PDB file of N, CA and C in Angstrom:
ATOM      1  N   MET A   1       0.850  -1.176   0.000  1.00  0.00           N
ATOM      2  CA  MET A   1       0.000   0.000   0.000  1.00  0.00           C
ATOM      3  C   MET A   1       0.897   1.241   0.000  1.00  0.00           C
ATOM      4  N   MET A   2       0.529   2.204  -0.814  1.00  0.00           N
ATOM      5  CA  MET A   2       1.329   3.427  -0.920  1.00  0.00           C
ATOM      6  C   MET A   2       0.888   4.442   0.125  1.00  0.00           C
ATOM      7  N   ALA A   3       1.850   5.186   0.614  1.00  0.00           N
ATOM      8  CA  ALA A   3       1.555   6.242   1.582  1.00  0.00           C
ATOM      9  C   ALA A   3       0.888   7.412   0.860  1.00  0.00           C
ATOM     10  N   PRO A   4       0.004   8.161   1.538  1.00  0.00           N
ATOM     11  CA  PRO A   4      -0.628   9.323   0.900  1.00  0.00           C
ATOM     12  C   PRO A   4       0.426  10.361   0.524  1.00  0.00           C
ATOM     13  N   VAL A   5       0.160  11.049  -0.582  1.00  0.00           N
ATOM     14  CA  VAL A   5       1.088  12.060  -1.077  1.00  0.00           C
ATOM     15  C   VAL A   5       0.849  13.364  -0.326  1.00  0.00           C
ATOM     16  N   ASN A   6       1.880  13.865   0.310  1.00  0.00           N
ATOM     17  CA  ASN A   6       1.796  15.166   0.969  1.00  0.00           C
ATOM     18  C   ASN A   6       2.363  16.210   0.030  1.00  0.00           C
ATOM     19  N   ARG A   7       1.554  17.156  -0.330  1.00  0.00           N
ATOM     20  CA  ARG A   7       1.992  18.207  -1.257  1.00  0.00           C
ATOM     21  C   ARG A   7       2.438  19.418  -0.467  1.00  0.00           C
ATOM     22  N   SER A   8       3.497  20.031  -0.950  1.00  0.00           N
ATOM     23  CA  SER A   8       3.957  21.260  -0.315  1.00  0.00           C
ATOM     24  C   SER A   8       3.835  22.396  -1.323  1.00  0.00           C
ATOM     25  N   GLY A   9       3.958  23.589  -0.849  1.00  0.00           N
ATOM     26  CA  GLY A   9       3.854  24.749  -1.726  1.00  0.00           C
ATOM     27  C   GLY A   9       2.540  25.469  -1.533  1.00  0.00           C
ATOM     28  N   ARG A  10       2.278  26.403  -2.428  1.00  0.00           N
ATOM     29  CA  ARG A  10       1.071  27.213  -2.336  1.00  0.00           C
ATOM     30  C   ARG A  10      -0.171  26.407  -2.686  1.00  0.00           C
ATOM     31  N   ARG A  11      -1.252  26.694  -2.002  1.00  0.00           N
ATOM     32  CA  ARG A  11      -2.541  26.069  -2.294  1.00  0.00           C
ATOM     33  C   ARG A  11      -3.054  26.628  -3.626  1.00  0.00           C
ATOM     34  N   SER A  12      -3.708  25.786  -4.399  1.00  0.00           N
ATOM     35  CA  SER A  12      -4.251  26.201  -5.690  1.00  0.00           C
ATOM     36  C   SER A  12      -5.277  27.316  -5.500  1.00  0.00           C
ATOM     37  N   LYS A  13      -5.253  28.293  -6.379  1.00  0.00           N
ATOM     38  CA  LYS A  13      -6.227  29.380  -6.346  1.00  0.00           C
ATOM     39  C   LYS A  13      -7.299  29.184  -7.408  1.00  0.00           C
ATOM     40  N   GLY A  14      -7.347  28.002  -7.997  1.00  0.00           N
ATOM     41  CA  GLY A  14      -8.363  27.708  -8.998  1.00  0.00           C
ATOM     42  C   GLY A  14      -7.912  28.083 -10.399  1.00  0.00           C
ATOM     43  N   ASP A  15      -8.865  28.061 -11.316  1.00  0.00           N
ATOM     44  CA  ASP A  15      -8.591  28.350 -12.716  1.00  0.00           C
ATOM     45  C   ASP A  15      -8.052  29.768 -12.869  1.00  0.00           C
ATOM     46  N   ARG A  16      -7.018  29.918 -13.644  1.00  0.00           N
ATOM     47  CA  ARG A  16      -6.373  31.215 -13.840  1.00  0.00           C
ATOM     48  C   ARG A  16      -6.135  31.469 -15.312  1.00  0.00           C
ATOM     49  N   LYS A  17      -6.021  32.742 -15.661  1.00  0.00           N
ATOM     50  CA  LYS A  17      -5.694  33.170 -17.021  1.00  0.00           C
ATOM     51  C   LYS A  17      -4.575  34.193 -16.910  1.00  0.00           C
ATOM     52  N   PHE A  18      -3.531  34.035 -17.720  1.00  0.00           N
ATOM     53  CA  PHE A  18      -2.404  34.960 -17.680  1.00  0.00           C
ATOM     54  C   PHE A  18      -2.788  36.282 -18.323  1.00  0.00           C
ATOM     55  N   VAL A  19      -2.510  37.372 -17.628  1.00  0.00           N
ATOM     56  CA  VAL A  19      -2.689  38.715 -18.155  1.00  0.00           C
ATOM     57  C   VAL A  19      -1.364  39.424 -17.910  1.00  0.00           C
ATOM     58  N   GLY A  20      -0.656  39.744 -18.966  1.00  0.00           N
ATOM     59  CA  GLY A  20       0.654  40.377 -18.820  1.00  0.00           C
ATOM     60  C   GLY A  20       0.687  41.734 -19.497  1.00  0.00           C
ATOM     61  N   PHE A  21       1.576  42.565 -19.033  1.00  0.00           N
ATOM     62  CA  PHE A  21       1.745  43.881 -19.641  1.00  0.00           C
ATOM     63  C   PHE A  21       3.125  44.401 -19.300  1.00  0.00           C
ATOM     64  N   ARG A  22       3.558  45.380 -20.046  1.00  0.00           N
ATOM     65  CA  ARG A  22       4.843  46.021 -19.785  1.00  0.00           C
ATOM     66  C   ARG A  22       4.585  47.388 -19.159  1.00  0.00           C
ATOM     67  N   ILE A  23       5.471  47.758 -18.251  1.00  0.00           N
ATOM     68  CA  ILE A  23       5.354  49.039 -17.556  1.00  0.00           C
ATOM     69  C   ILE A  23       6.761  49.600 -17.393  1.00  0.00           C
ATOM     70  N   ALA A  24       6.857  50.895 -17.337  1.00  0.00           N
ATOM     71  CA  ALA A  24       8.172  51.533 -17.194  1.00  0.00           C
ATOM     72  C   ALA A  24       8.880  51.003 -15.945  1.00  0.00           C
ATOM     73  N   THR A  25      10.186  50.802 -16.059  1.00  0.00           N
ATOM     74  CA  THR A  25      10.972  50.214 -14.974  1.00  0.00           C
ATOM     75  C   THR A  25      10.803  50.932 -13.639  1.00  0.00           C
ATOM     76  N   PRO A  26      10.847  52.269 -13.599  1.00  0.00           N
ATOM     77  CA  PRO A  26      10.658  52.923 -12.286  1.00  0.00           C
ATOM     78  C   PRO A  26       9.296  52.605 -11.648  1.00  0.00           C
ATOM     79  N   LYS A  27       8.264  52.508 -12.470  1.00  0.00           N
ATOM     80  CA  LYS A  27       6.940  52.173 -11.935  1.00  0.00           C
ATOM     81  C   LYS A  27       6.909  50.721 -11.456  1.00  0.00           C
ATOM     82  N   ALA A  28       7.556  49.827 -12.188  1.00  0.00           N
ATOM     83  CA  ALA A  28       7.613  48.425 -11.779  1.00  0.00           C
ATOM     84  C   ALA A  28       8.349  48.295 -10.454  1.00  0.00           C
ATOM     85  N   ASP A  29       9.438  49.026 -10.303  1.00  0.00           N
ATOM     86  CA  ASP A  29      10.188  49.003  -9.049  1.00  0.00           C
ATOM     87  C   ASP A  29       9.337  49.542  -7.895  1.00  0.00           C
ATOM     88  N   ALA A  30       8.574  50.603  -8.174  1.00  0.00           N
ATOM     89  CA  ALA A  30       7.697  51.174  -7.148  1.00  0.00           C
ATOM     90  C   ALA A  30       6.596  50.183  -6.766  1.00  0.00           C
ATOM     91  N   MET A  31       6.040  49.466  -7.754  1.00  0.00           N
ATOM     92  CA  MET A  31       5.018  48.460  -7.464  1.00  0.00           C
ATOM     93  C   MET A  31       5.576  47.392  -6.540  1.00  0.00           C
ATOM     94  N   ASP A  32       6.797  46.960  -6.809  1.00  0.00           N
ATOM     95  CA  ASP A  32       7.437  45.934  -5.988  1.00  0.00           C
ATOM     96  C   ASP A  32       7.595  46.415  -4.548  1.00  0.00           C
ATOM     97  N   LEU A  33       8.039  47.664  -4.382  1.00  0.00           N
ATOM     98  CA  LEU A  33       8.214  48.223  -3.037  1.00  0.00           C
ATOM     99  C   LEU A  33       6.887  48.309  -2.281  1.00  0.00           C
ATOM    100  N   VAL A  34       5.849  48.789  -2.970  1.00  0.00           N
ATOM    101  CA  VAL A  34       4.547  48.950  -2.321  1.00  0.00           C
ATOM    102  C   VAL A  34       3.964  47.587  -1.954  1.00  0.00           C
ATOM    103  N   ALA A  35       4.064  46.629  -2.876  1.00  0.00           N
ATOM    104  CA  ALA A  35       3.527  45.297  -2.602  1.00  0.00           C
ATOM    105  C   ALA A  35       4.212  44.676  -1.392  1.00  0.00           C
ATOM    106  N   LYS A  36       5.518  44.768  -1.337  1.00  0.00           N
ATOM    107  CA  LYS A  36       6.256  44.207  -0.204  1.00  0.00           C
ATOM    108  C   LYS A  36       5.910  44.944   1.091  1.00  0.00           C
ATOM    109  N   ALA A  37       5.787  46.277   1.019  1.00  0.00           N
ATOM    110  CA  ALA A  37       5.438  47.072   2.201  1.00  0.00           C
ATOM    111  C   ALA A  37       4.051  46.711   2.729  1.00  0.00           C
ATOM    112  N   GLU A  38       3.160  46.270   1.829  1.00  0.00           N
ATOM    113  CA  GLU A  38       1.806  45.891   2.231  1.00  0.00           C
ATOM    114  C   GLU A  38       1.714  44.409   2.583  1.00  0.00           C
ATOM    115  N   GLY A  39       2.860  43.726   2.634  1.00  0.00           N
ATOM    116  CA  GLY A  39       2.889  42.349   3.088  1.00  0.00           C
ATOM    117  C   GLY A  39       2.722  41.287   2.021  1.00  0.00           C
ATOM    118  N   TYR A  40       2.781  41.661   0.773  1.00  0.00           N
ATOM    119  CA  TYR A  40       2.644  40.692  -0.307  1.00  0.00           C
ATOM    120  C   TYR A  40       4.011  40.105  -0.653  1.00  0.00           C
ATOM    121  N   GLN A  41       4.030  38.809  -0.870  1.00  0.00           N
ATOM    122  CA  GLN A  41       5.264  38.161  -1.310  1.00  0.00           C
ATOM    123  C   GLN A  41       5.426  38.323  -2.820  1.00  0.00           C
ATOM    124  N   TYR A  42       4.293  38.350  -3.530  1.00  0.00           N
ATOM    125  CA  TYR A  42       4.318  38.438  -4.986  1.00  0.00           C
ATOM    126  C   TYR A  42       3.562  39.675  -5.461  1.00  0.00           C
ATOM    127  N   VAL A  43       4.148  40.410  -6.398  1.00  0.00           N
ATOM    128  CA  VAL A  43       3.494  41.590  -6.959  1.00  0.00           C
ATOM    129  C   VAL A  43       2.206  41.187  -7.664  1.00  0.00           C
ATOM    130  N   SER A  44       2.189  40.007  -8.277  1.00  0.00           N
ATOM    131  CA  SER A  44       0.979  39.567  -8.990  1.00  0.00           C
ATOM    132  C   SER A  44      -0.202  39.422  -8.029  1.00  0.00           C
ATOM    133  N   ASP A  45       0.034  38.998  -6.789  1.00  0.00           N
ATOM    134  CA  ASP A  45      -1.054  38.916  -5.807  1.00  0.00           C
ATOM    135  C   ASP A  45      -1.562  40.310  -5.450  1.00  0.00           C
ATOM    136  N   TRP A  46      -0.641  41.253  -5.321  1.00  0.00           N
ATOM    137  CA  TRP A  46      -1.010  42.639  -5.022  1.00  0.00           C
ATOM    138  C   TRP A  46      -1.852  43.212  -6.158  1.00  0.00           C
ATOM    139  N   LEU A  47      -1.392  43.003  -7.395  1.00  0.00           N
ATOM    140  CA  LEU A  47      -2.136  43.495  -8.554  1.00  0.00           C
ATOM    141  C   LEU A  47      -3.506  42.825  -8.652  1.00  0.00           C
ATOM    142  N   SER A  48      -3.571  41.547  -8.374  1.00  0.00           N
ATOM    143  CA  SER A  48      -4.840  40.835  -8.420  1.00  0.00           C
ATOM    144  C   SER A  48      -5.832  41.421  -7.422  1.00  0.00           C
ATOM    145  N   ASP A  49      -5.361  41.753  -6.231  1.00  0.00           N
ATOM    146  CA  ASP A  49      -6.241  42.366  -5.236  1.00  0.00           C
ATOM    147  C   ASP A  49      -6.705  43.752  -5.677  1.00  0.00           C
ATOM    148  N   LEU A  50      -5.822  44.512  -6.332  1.00  0.00           N
ATOM    149  CA  LEU A  50      -6.212  45.826  -6.851  1.00  0.00           C
ATOM    150  C   LEU A  50      -7.302  45.689  -7.914  1.00  0.00           C
ATOM    151  N   VAL A  51      -7.137  44.726  -8.810  1.00  0.00           N
ATOM    152  CA  VAL A  51      -8.135  44.495  -9.852  1.00  0.00           C
ATOM    153  C   VAL A  51      -9.448  44.034  -9.226  1.00  0.00           C
ATOM    154  N   ASP A  52      -9.386  43.134  -8.246  1.00  0.00           N
ATOM    155  CA  ASP A  52     -10.604  42.682  -7.558  1.00  0.00           C
ATOM    156  C   ASP A  52     -11.359  43.856  -6.953  1.00  0.00           C
ATOM    157  N   GLU A  53     -10.620  44.751  -6.303  1.00  0.00           N
ATOM    158  CA  GLU A  53     -11.247  45.926  -5.682  1.00  0.00           C
ATOM    159  C   GLU A  53     -11.902  46.814  -6.733  1.00  0.00           C
ATOM    160  N   ARG A  54     -11.214  47.038  -7.842  1.00  0.00           N
ATOM    161  CA  ARG A  54     -11.763  47.882  -8.903  1.00  0.00           C
ATOM    162  C   ARG A  54     -13.012  47.252  -9.509  1.00  0.00           C
ATOM    163  N   LEU A  55     -12.962  45.948  -9.773  1.00  0.00           N
ATOM    164  CA  LEU A  55     -14.117  45.263 -10.344  1.00  0.00           C
ATOM    165  C   LEU A  55     -15.299  45.261  -9.386  1.00  0.00           C
ATOM    166  N   ALA A  56     -15.027  45.136  -8.099  1.00  0.00           N
ATOM    167  CA  ALA A  56     -16.092  45.144  -7.101  1.00  0.00           C
ATOM    168  C   ALA A  56     -16.798  46.499  -7.052  1.00  0.00           C
ATOM    169  N   ASN A  57     -16.096  47.555  -7.438  1.00  0.00           N
ATOM    170  CA  ASN A  57     -16.660  48.903  -7.409  1.00  0.00           C
ATOM    171  C   ASN A  57     -17.060  49.403  -8.794  1.00  0.00           C
ATOM    172  N   THR A  58     -17.209  48.489  -9.745  1.00  0.00           N
ATOM    173  CA  THR A  58     -17.597  48.846 -11.104  1.00  0.00           C
ATOM    174  C   THR A  58     -18.894  48.128 -11.447  1.00  0.00           C
ATOM    175  N   ASN A  59     -19.860  48.868 -11.951  1.00  0.00           N
ATOM    176  CA  ASN A  59     -21.125  48.275 -12.381  1.00  0.00           C
ATOM    177  C   ASN A  59     -20.918  47.713 -13.787  1.00  0.00           C
ATOM    178  N   LEU A  60     -20.613  46.422 -13.860  1.00  0.00           N
ATOM    179  CA  LEU A  60     -20.323  45.798 -15.143  1.00  0.00           C
ATOM    180  C   LEU A  60     -21.537  45.792 -16.066  1.00  0.00           C
ATOM    181  N   HIS A  61     -22.746  45.818 -15.511  1.00  0.00           N
ATOM    182  CA  HIS A  61     -23.956  45.827 -16.335  1.00  0.00           C
ATOM    183  C   HIS A  61     -24.154  47.171 -17.033  1.00  0.00           C
ATOM    184  N   ALA A  62     -23.530  48.223 -16.521  1.00  0.00           N
ATOM    185  CA  ALA A  62     -23.671  49.541 -17.119  1.00  0.00           C
ATOM    186  C   ALA A  62     -22.730  49.744 -18.308  1.00  0.00           C
ATOM    187  N   ILE A  63     -21.789  48.820 -18.471  1.00  0.00           N
ATOM    188  CA  ILE A  63     -20.851  48.938 -19.580  1.00  0.00           C
ATOM    189  C   ILE A  63     -21.558  48.474 -20.846  1.00  0.00           C
ATOM    190  N   VAL A  64     -21.628  49.358 -21.824  1.00  0.00           N
ATOM    191  CA  VAL A  64     -22.307  49.047 -23.078  1.00  0.00           C
ATOM    192  C   VAL A  64     -21.411  48.129 -23.898  1.00  0.00           C
ATOM    193  N   GLN A  65     -21.959  46.994 -24.298  1.00  0.00           N
ATOM    194  CA  GLN A  65     -21.201  46.054 -25.113  1.00  0.00           C
ATOM    195  C   GLN A  65     -21.823  46.008 -26.501  1.00  0.00           C
ATOM    196  N   GLN A  66     -20.964  45.961 -27.507  1.00  0.00           N
ATOM    197  CA  GLN A  66     -21.427  45.927 -28.885  1.00  0.00           C
ATOM    198  C   GLN A  66     -22.120  44.602 -29.164  1.00  0.00           C
ATOM    199  N   GLU A  67     -23.266  44.673 -29.824  1.00  0.00           N
ATOM    200  CA  GLU A  67     -24.002  43.468 -30.165  1.00  0.00           C
ATOM    201  C   GLU A  67     -23.440  42.858 -31.440  1.00  0.00           C
ATOM    202  N   GLU A  68     -23.657  41.561 -31.588  1.00  0.00           N
ATOM    203  CA  GLU A  68     -23.201  40.844 -32.767  1.00  0.00           C
ATOM    204  C   GLU A  68     -23.994  41.300 -33.987  1.00  0.00           C
ATOM    205  N   LEU A  69     -23.295  41.474 -35.106  1.00  0.00           N
ATOM    206  CA  LEU A  69     -23.969  41.881 -36.337  1.00  0.00           C
ATOM    207  C   LEU A  69     -24.811  40.734 -36.887  1.00  0.00           C
ATOM    208  N   PRO A  70     -26.000  41.043 -37.423  1.00  0.00           N
ATOM    209  CA  PRO A  70     -26.884  39.996 -37.932  1.00  0.00           C
ATOM    210  C   PRO A  70     -26.492  39.573 -39.351  1.00  0.00           C
ATOM    211  N   LEU A  71     -25.300  39.040 -39.532  1.00  0.00           N
ATOM    212  CA  LEU A  71     -24.794  38.706 -40.859  1.00  0.00           C
ATOM    213  C   LEU A  71     -25.593  37.601 -41.519  1.00  0.00           C
ATOM    214  N   GLY A  72     -26.096  36.654 -40.754  1.00  0.00           N
ATOM    215  CA  GLY A  72     -26.894  35.558 -41.334  1.00  0.00           C
ATOM    216  C   GLY A  72     -28.154  36.070 -42.007  1.00  0.00           C
ATOM    217  N   ARG A  73     -28.820  37.029 -41.406  1.00  0.00           N
ATOM    218  CA  ARG A  73     -30.060  37.593 -41.989  1.00  0.00           C
ATOM    219  C   ARG A  73     -29.754  38.443 -43.201  1.00  0.00           C
ATOM    220  N   LEU A  74     -28.628  39.133 -43.214  1.00  0.00           N
ATOM    221  CA  LEU A  74     -28.288  40.005 -44.328  1.00  0.00           C
ATOM    222  C   LEU A  74     -27.853  39.220 -45.554  1.00  0.00           C
ATOM    223  N   ALA A  75     -27.269  38.048 -45.355  1.00  0.00           N
ATOM    224  CA  ALA A  75     -26.761  37.254 -46.474  1.00  0.00           C
ATOM    225  C   ALA A  75     -27.872  36.555 -47.255  1.00  0.00           C
ATOM    226  N   SER A  76     -29.057  36.409 -46.684  1.00  0.00           N
ATOM    227  CA  SER A  76     -30.109  35.661 -47.378  1.00  0.00           C
ATOM    228  C   SER A  76     -30.775  36.481 -48.446  1.00  0.00           C
TER     229      SER A  76
END
């Protein structure tokens, strides 16, 4: 009988999607300092919390989204 596998490391945060961007080096350095000062080990966790806060304070239903063009009806 095999012993149960003990996993180490960070607990899974669920399904994720990579979102990357470039930022000026001085701003990136400042982000790193602020994230560490606020107790974050990773800048990506700090940024994720900032995005969560912004999304929580944004009425997503009020954002007008473009509707799909009725190409099937026009082609007939």
